[in-house]
Structure formats: structure tokens, C-alpha cells
Amino acid sequence: MAGDGDHPADPGRELLLLRHAKSDWNTGAATDFDRPLNVRGRQDAPRLGKWLYTVGLVPDLVLASPARRARQTARRVCKALGYPRESILWEPRLYEAGPGTLIGCLQALSGMPRRVLLVAHNPGLEELLRHLCGALETPADGKLLPTAALARLAMPADWRRLESGCARLLGLVRPRDLPR
């Protein structure tokens, strides 16, 4: 299984990868960066936050893209979690980031938080997930991380050591899997 090699995952250190919730393409937003959530996205984000709270997966740190749909997702999730919105770290490099940039953002974390929630975009998040966990089976619908999907990973003890295959996928949750 991925993550069982030279750099075993630390069962206490976790990364929660969250793709922003469903966005609205028909708002007339001036740019892709400014695109907001649609009705479904505004519903899915707090449901996911409530689920994270219920199962005890409250992050120590939230790192999010400042793109409007990611900001709205992070704020709604954090409100449902009871995580202070003013503590969200907005990282401009997360918008349209590839796996190398995402890894760089994670490696730069100070204080070595135990559980990090990273709110960003595809295809970078899926590429990061495959890098960290190694080979993963693609679901029948072809989408590993559809909108508002969350991947939970057991991570190495040191955020600076994020080599290929260093993590283990603990679970993948999609909004449709959550209780209404």
C-alpha cells in the first residue's frame, strides 16, 4: 500500500485535501478567480464542515486559496466546524497551483500542525493526492476529487518530507455520501 515504504506515515499527522464546492458559471463574474459558489456549493460546504466536526476531524490549521469559490467554501466549512474564520490562512499561490507549488506551501508550514485542511482547486489537488499516495484507483465517474470532495491522508511526521508515496489515503468523502 502507498505510504508503507521508507517514510511511514505518522498516524497522528493528517492532511485534509478539500476541493472547493460547486461553483456558478452563469454569474457574469469578470474572471475565473471571481466565480462564486452556486446553490449546491453553498449547501455542500457547511454540510461537509458539520460532518468533519461530528467525526472529530477539526483542523489545527486551514490553508486556502483566495479565489472566491474557495474562500466561500473555506468560510462555510470553518463556520460549521467552529474554526475561527479569521485564522484561515489565505495563500495566493494555491490558485491554479500544480502539485509542486502545493507541496511548497505545505512544506512552509510553521509550528508543525497535526491536522491541516487545504482548500484549493483541481487539477492540482488530484495531482497532489496521487503524488503523496502513489497509485490510486480512479472512480467509475472518472473524478477522484469532484467539487466539495475531501481526501483524508495520514502524513509523515515532518511536513518538509513530502516525497512521492509518503502518505496513506485514509478516506475519500463526497457530498453525496454525507447525511442530509
C-alpha atoms as a PDB file:
ATOM      1  CA  MET A   1       0.000   0.000   0.000  1.00  0.00           C
ATOM      2  CA  ALA A   2       1.213   3.540  -0.718  1.00  0.00           C
ATOM      3  CA  GLY A   3       2.907   5.154   2.228  1.00  0.00           C
ATOM      4  CA  ASP A   4       4.298   1.911   3.669  1.00  0.00           C
ATOM      5  CA  GLY A   5       7.835   2.484   2.341  1.00  0.00           C
ATOM      6  CA  ASP A   6      10.858   4.250   3.795  1.00  0.00           C
ATOM      7  CA  HIS A   7       8.863   7.176   5.209  1.00  0.00           C
ATOM      8  CA  PRO A   8       5.995   5.715   7.216  1.00  0.00           C
ATOM      9  CA  ALA A   9       3.020   7.963   7.748  1.00  0.00           C
ATOM     10  CA  ASP A  10       2.545   9.406  11.214  1.00  0.00           C
ATOM     11  CA  PRO A  11      -0.865   8.175  12.396  1.00  0.00           C
ATOM     12  CA  GLY A  12      -1.326  11.444  14.278  1.00  0.00           C
ATOM     13  CA  ARG A  13      -0.448  13.832  11.419  1.00  0.00           C
ATOM     14  CA  GLU A  14      -3.115  14.323   8.770  1.00  0.00           C
ATOM     15  CA  LEU A  15      -3.803  16.325   5.653  1.00  0.00           C
ATOM     16  CA  LEU A  16      -7.358  17.014   4.574  1.00  0.00           C
ATOM     17  CA  LEU A  17      -7.477  17.930   0.883  1.00  0.00           C
ATOM     18  CA  LEU A  18     -10.712  19.722   0.015  1.00  0.00           C
ATOM     19  CA  ARG A  19     -11.641  20.768  -3.465  1.00  0.00           C
ATOM     20  CA  HIS A  20     -13.812  23.889  -3.396  1.00  0.00           C
ATOM     21  CA  ALA A  21     -17.562  23.330  -3.587  1.00  0.00           C
ATOM     22  CA  LYS A  22     -19.594  23.606  -6.806  1.00  0.00           C
ATOM     23  CA  SER A  23     -19.246  26.998  -8.462  1.00  0.00           C
ATOM     24  CA  ASP A  24     -21.612  29.024 -10.588  1.00  0.00           C
ATOM     25  CA  TRP A  25     -20.561  29.547 -14.200  1.00  0.00           C
ATOM     26  CA  ASN A  26     -23.507  31.838 -15.034  1.00  0.00           C
ATOM     27  CA  THR A  27     -22.950  34.833 -12.761  1.00  0.00           C
ATOM     28  CA  GLY A  28     -21.130  37.071 -15.178  1.00  0.00           C
ATOM     29  CA  ALA A  29     -18.040  37.039 -12.938  1.00  0.00           C
ATOM     30  CA  ALA A  30     -15.293  39.051 -14.609  1.00  0.00           C
ATOM     31  CA  THR A  31     -12.686  36.309 -14.153  1.00  0.00           C
ATOM     32  CA  ASP A  32     -12.409  32.654 -13.173  1.00  0.00           C
ATOM     33  CA  PHE A  33     -10.872  33.834  -9.882  1.00  0.00           C
ATOM     34  CA  ASP A  34     -14.088  35.745  -9.078  1.00  0.00           C
ATOM     35  CA  ARG A  35     -16.503  32.877  -9.765  1.00  0.00           C
ATOM     36  CA  PRO A  36     -18.775  32.256  -6.700  1.00  0.00           C
ATOM     37  CA  LEU A  37     -20.404  29.113  -5.369  1.00  0.00           C
ATOM     38  CA  ASN A  38     -23.745  28.031  -6.762  1.00  0.00           C
ATOM     39  CA  VAL A  39     -26.705  26.943  -4.614  1.00  0.00           C
ATOM     40  CA  ARG A  40     -25.461  23.358  -4.324  1.00  0.00           C
ATOM     41  CA  GLY A  41     -21.979  24.564  -3.376  1.00  0.00           C
ATOM     42  CA  ARG A  42     -23.380  26.850  -0.686  1.00  0.00           C
ATOM     43  CA  GLN A  43     -25.237  23.832   0.749  1.00  0.00           C
ATOM     44  CA  ASP A  44     -22.443  21.254   0.426  1.00  0.00           C
ATOM     45  CA  ALA A  45     -19.716  23.280   2.153  1.00  0.00           C
ATOM     46  CA  PRO A  46     -21.408  23.632   5.571  1.00  0.00           C
ATOM     47  CA  ARG A  47     -22.613  20.009   5.399  1.00  0.00           C
ATOM     48  CA  LEU A  48     -19.005  18.945   4.991  1.00  0.00           C
ATOM     49  CA  GLY A  49     -17.915  21.185   7.867  1.00  0.00           C
ATOM     50  CA  LYS A  50     -20.623  19.742  10.113  1.00  0.00           C
ATOM     51  CA  TRP A  51     -19.562  16.211   9.154  1.00  0.00           C
ATOM     52  CA  LEU A  52     -15.888  16.990   9.897  1.00  0.00           C
ATOM     53  CA  TYR A  53     -16.894  18.336  13.307  1.00  0.00           C
ATOM     54  CA  THR A  54     -19.128  15.341  14.053  1.00  0.00           C
ATOM     55  CA  VAL A  55     -16.387  12.815  13.256  1.00  0.00           C
ATOM     56  CA  GLY A  56     -13.761  14.788  15.189  1.00  0.00           C
ATOM     57  CA  LEU A  57     -11.656  15.993  12.267  1.00  0.00           C
ATOM     58  CA  VAL A  58     -11.239  19.620  13.308  1.00  0.00           C
ATOM     59  CA  PRO A  59      -8.049  21.007  11.732  1.00  0.00           C
ATOM     60  CA  ASP A  60      -5.296  22.789  13.613  1.00  0.00           C
ATOM     61  CA  LEU A  61      -4.677  24.931  10.550  1.00  0.00           C
ATOM     62  CA  VAL A  62      -6.710  25.873   7.465  1.00  0.00           C
ATOM     63  CA  LEU A  63      -4.802  26.929   4.356  1.00  0.00           C
ATOM     64  CA  ALA A  64      -6.969  28.111   1.463  1.00  0.00           C
ATOM     65  CA  SER A  65      -6.903  29.620  -1.984  1.00  0.00           C
ATOM     66  CA  PRO A  66      -8.204  33.200  -2.054  1.00  0.00           C
ATOM     67  CA  ALA A  67     -10.252  32.550  -5.221  1.00  0.00           C
ATOM     68  CA  ARG A  68     -13.858  33.487  -4.452  1.00  0.00           C
ATOM     69  CA  ARG A  69     -15.307  29.946  -4.641  1.00  0.00           C
ATOM     70  CA  ALA A  70     -12.503  28.562  -2.433  1.00  0.00           C
ATOM     71  CA  ARG A  71     -12.884  31.460   0.054  1.00  0.00           C
ATOM     72  CA  GLN A  72     -16.627  30.839   0.266  1.00  0.00           C
ATOM     73  CA  THR A  73     -16.064  27.101   0.708  1.00  0.00           C
ATOM     74  CA  ALA A  74     -13.431  27.552   3.426  1.00  0.00           C
ATOM     75  CA  ARG A  75     -15.521  30.087   5.338  1.00  0.00           C
ATOM     76  CA  ARG A  76     -18.652  27.917   5.276  1.00  0.00           C
ATOM     77  CA  VAL A  77     -16.745  24.785   6.298  1.00  0.00           C
ATOM     78  CA  CYS A  78     -14.949  26.633   9.100  1.00  0.00           C
ATOM     79  CA  LYS A  79     -18.168  28.185  10.419  1.00  0.00           C
ATOM     80  CA  ALA A  80     -19.728  24.714  10.699  1.00  0.00           C
ATOM     81  CA  LEU A  81     -16.540  23.402  12.342  1.00  0.00           C
ATOM     82  CA  GLY A  82     -16.324  26.206  14.869  1.00  0.00           C
ATOM     83  CA  TYR A  83     -12.894  27.084  13.441  1.00  0.00           C
ATOM     84  CA  PRO A  84     -12.252  30.858  13.653  1.00  0.00           C
ATOM     85  CA  ARG A  85     -12.612  32.353  10.171  1.00  0.00           C
ATOM     86  CA  GLU A  86     -10.000  34.984  10.996  1.00  0.00           C
ATOM     87  CA  SER A  87      -7.475  32.161  11.493  1.00  0.00           C
ATOM     88  CA  ILE A  88      -7.781  30.886   7.906  1.00  0.00           C
ATOM     89  CA  LEU A  89      -4.501  31.402   6.058  1.00  0.00           C
ATOM     90  CA  TRP A  90      -5.183  32.736   2.553  1.00  0.00           C
ATOM     91  CA  GLU A  91      -2.386  31.657   0.219  1.00  0.00           C
ATOM     92  CA  PRO A  92      -2.450  33.276  -3.255  1.00  0.00           C
ATOM     93  CA  ARG A  93      -0.132  30.582  -4.669  1.00  0.00           C
ATOM     94  CA  LEU A  94      -2.883  27.963  -4.207  1.00  0.00           C
ATOM     95  CA  TYR A  95      -4.959  29.354  -7.071  1.00  0.00           C
ATOM     96  CA  GLU A  96      -4.204  27.332 -10.223  1.00  0.00           C
ATOM     97  CA  ALA A  97      -1.341  25.616  -8.356  1.00  0.00           C
ATOM     98  CA  GLY A  98       0.254  22.406  -9.530  1.00  0.00           C
ATOM     99  CA  PRO A  99       1.476  19.755  -7.109  1.00  0.00           C
ATOM    100  CA  GLY A 100       4.944  21.318  -6.767  1.00  0.00           C
ATOM    101  CA  THR A 101       3.510  24.629  -5.571  1.00  0.00           C
ATOM    102  CA  LEU A 102       1.038  22.878  -3.251  1.00  0.00           C
ATOM    103  CA  ILE A 103       3.884  20.841  -1.744  1.00  0.00           C
ATOM    104  CA  GLY A 104       5.917  24.034  -1.294  1.00  0.00           C
ATOM    105  CA  CYS A 105       3.037  25.660   0.585  1.00  0.00           C
ATOM    106  CA  LEU A 106       2.717  22.633   2.879  1.00  0.00           C
ATOM    107  CA  GLN A 107       6.476  22.420   3.448  1.00  0.00           C
ATOM    108  CA  ALA A 108       6.499  26.070   4.549  1.00  0.00           C
ATOM    109  CA  LEU A 109       4.056  25.448   7.411  1.00  0.00           C
ATOM    110  CA  SER A 110       5.401  26.585  10.737  1.00  0.00           C
ATOM    111  CA  GLY A 111       4.633  25.051  14.067  1.00  0.00           C
ATOM    112  CA  MET A 112       4.204  21.559  12.586  1.00  0.00           C
ATOM    113  CA  PRO A 113       0.393  21.384  12.901  1.00  0.00           C
ATOM    114  CA  ARG A 114      -1.059  17.900  13.432  1.00  0.00           C
ATOM    115  CA  ARG A 115      -4.041  18.266  11.059  1.00  0.00           C
ATOM    116  CA  VAL A 116      -4.156  20.649   8.101  1.00  0.00           C
ATOM    117  CA  LEU A 117      -7.157  21.412   5.900  1.00  0.00           C
ATOM    118  CA  LEU A 118      -6.053  22.542   2.439  1.00  0.00           C
ATOM    119  CA  VAL A 119      -8.824  24.129   0.322  1.00  0.00           C
ATOM    120  CA  ALA A 120      -7.846  24.511  -3.326  1.00  0.00           C
ATOM    121  CA  HIS A 121      -8.547  23.524  -6.931  1.00  0.00           C
ATOM    122  CA  ASN A 122      -8.229  20.762  -9.498  1.00  0.00           C
ATOM    123  CA  PRO A 123      -6.299  19.503 -11.325  1.00  0.00           C
ATOM    124  CA  GLY A 124      -3.596  20.399  -8.785  1.00  0.00           C
ATOM    125  CA  LEU A 125      -5.279  18.750  -5.799  1.00  0.00           C
ATOM    126  CA  GLU A 126      -5.789  15.438  -7.627  1.00  0.00           C
ATOM    127  CA  GLU A 127      -2.193  15.529  -8.843  1.00  0.00           C
ATOM    128  CA  LEU A 128      -1.001  16.222  -5.275  1.00  0.00           C
ATOM    129  CA  LEU A 129      -3.136  13.372  -3.933  1.00  0.00           C
ATOM    130  CA  ARG A 130      -1.652  10.939  -6.487  1.00  0.00           C
ATOM    131  CA  HIS A 131       1.875  12.182  -5.738  1.00  0.00           C
ATOM    132  CA  LEU A 132       1.508  11.779  -1.979  1.00  0.00           C
ATOM    133  CA  CYS A 133      -0.328   8.434  -2.034  1.00  0.00           C
ATOM    134  CA  GLY A 134       1.073   6.803  -5.152  1.00  0.00           C
ATOM    135  CA  ALA A 135      -1.230   4.881  -7.467  1.00  0.00           C
ATOM    136  CA  LEU A 136      -4.915   5.348  -6.711  1.00  0.00           C
ATOM    137  CA  GLU A 137      -7.850   3.764  -8.461  1.00  0.00           C
ATOM    138  CA  THR A 138      -9.945   6.264 -10.384  1.00  0.00           C
ATOM    139  CA  PRO A 139     -13.680   6.010  -9.596  1.00  0.00           C
ATOM    140  CA  ALA A 140     -16.086   4.913 -12.343  1.00  0.00           C
ATOM    141  CA  ASP A 141     -17.148   8.519 -12.985  1.00  0.00           C
ATOM    142  CA  GLY A 142     -13.517   9.453 -13.674  1.00  0.00           C
ATOM    143  CA  LYS A 143     -13.408  12.029 -10.866  1.00  0.00           C
ATOM    144  CA  LEU A 144     -11.149  11.363  -7.917  1.00  0.00           C
ATOM    145  CA  LEU A 145     -11.934  14.755  -6.356  1.00  0.00           C
ATOM    146  CA  PRO A 146     -15.184  16.212  -7.678  1.00  0.00           C
ATOM    147  CA  THR A 147     -16.322  19.515  -6.186  1.00  0.00           C
ATOM    148  CA  ALA A 148     -16.528  19.544  -2.366  1.00  0.00           C
ATOM    149  CA  ALA A 149     -14.811  16.150  -2.133  1.00  0.00           C
ATOM    150  CA  LEU A 150     -12.443  15.621   0.771  1.00  0.00           C
ATOM    151  CA  ALA A 151      -9.458  13.272   0.890  1.00  0.00           C
ATOM    152  CA  ARG A 152      -8.041  12.377   4.310  1.00  0.00           C
ATOM    153  CA  LEU A 153      -4.372  11.384   4.355  1.00  0.00           C
ATOM    154  CA  ALA A 154      -2.038  10.068   7.041  1.00  0.00           C
ATOM    155  CA  MET A 155       1.135  12.094   6.597  1.00  0.00           C
ATOM    156  CA  PRO A 156       4.822  11.855   7.508  1.00  0.00           C
ATOM    157  CA  ALA A 157       5.863  13.329  10.858  1.00  0.00           C
ATOM    158  CA  ASP A 158       7.634  16.217   9.092  1.00  0.00           C
ATOM    159  CA  TRP A 159       5.737  18.446   6.635  1.00  0.00           C
ATOM    160  CA  ARG A 160       9.030  19.117   4.873  1.00  0.00           C
ATOM    161  CA  ARG A 161       9.312  15.452   3.774  1.00  0.00           C
ATOM    162  CA  LEU A 162       6.620  15.043   1.147  1.00  0.00           C
ATOM    163  CA  GLU A 163       8.183  12.594  -1.291  1.00  0.00           C
ATOM    164  CA  SER A 164       6.144  10.538  -3.707  1.00  0.00           C
ATOM    165  CA  GLY A 165       4.219   7.810  -1.886  1.00  0.00           C
ATOM    166  CA  CYS A 166       4.911   9.252   1.591  1.00  0.00           C
ATOM    167  CA  ALA A 167       1.237   9.356   2.642  1.00  0.00           C
ATOM    168  CA  ARG A 168      -1.605   6.894   3.030  1.00  0.00           C
ATOM    169  CA  LEU A 169      -5.171   7.581   1.953  1.00  0.00           C
ATOM    170  CA  LEU A 170      -7.455   7.097   4.960  1.00  0.00           C
ATOM    171  CA  GLY A 171     -10.686   8.036   3.252  1.00  0.00           C
ATOM    172  CA  LEU A 172     -12.399   9.923   0.492  1.00  0.00           C
ATOM    173  CA  VAL A 173     -15.740  11.639   1.145  1.00  0.00           C
ATOM    174  CA  ARG A 174     -18.025  13.217  -1.418  1.00  0.00           C
ATOM    175  CA  PRO A 175     -21.006  15.422  -0.594  1.00  0.00           C
ATOM    176  CA  ARG A 176     -23.430  12.759  -1.799  1.00  0.00           C
ATOM    177  CA  ASP A 177     -22.012  10.428   0.887  1.00  0.00           C
ATOM    178  CA  LEU A 178     -22.901  12.812   3.723  1.00  0.00           C
ATOM    179  CA  PRO A 179     -26.095  12.677   5.761  1.00  0.00           C
ATOM    180  CA  ARG A 180     -28.698  15.285   4.782  1.00  0.00           C
END
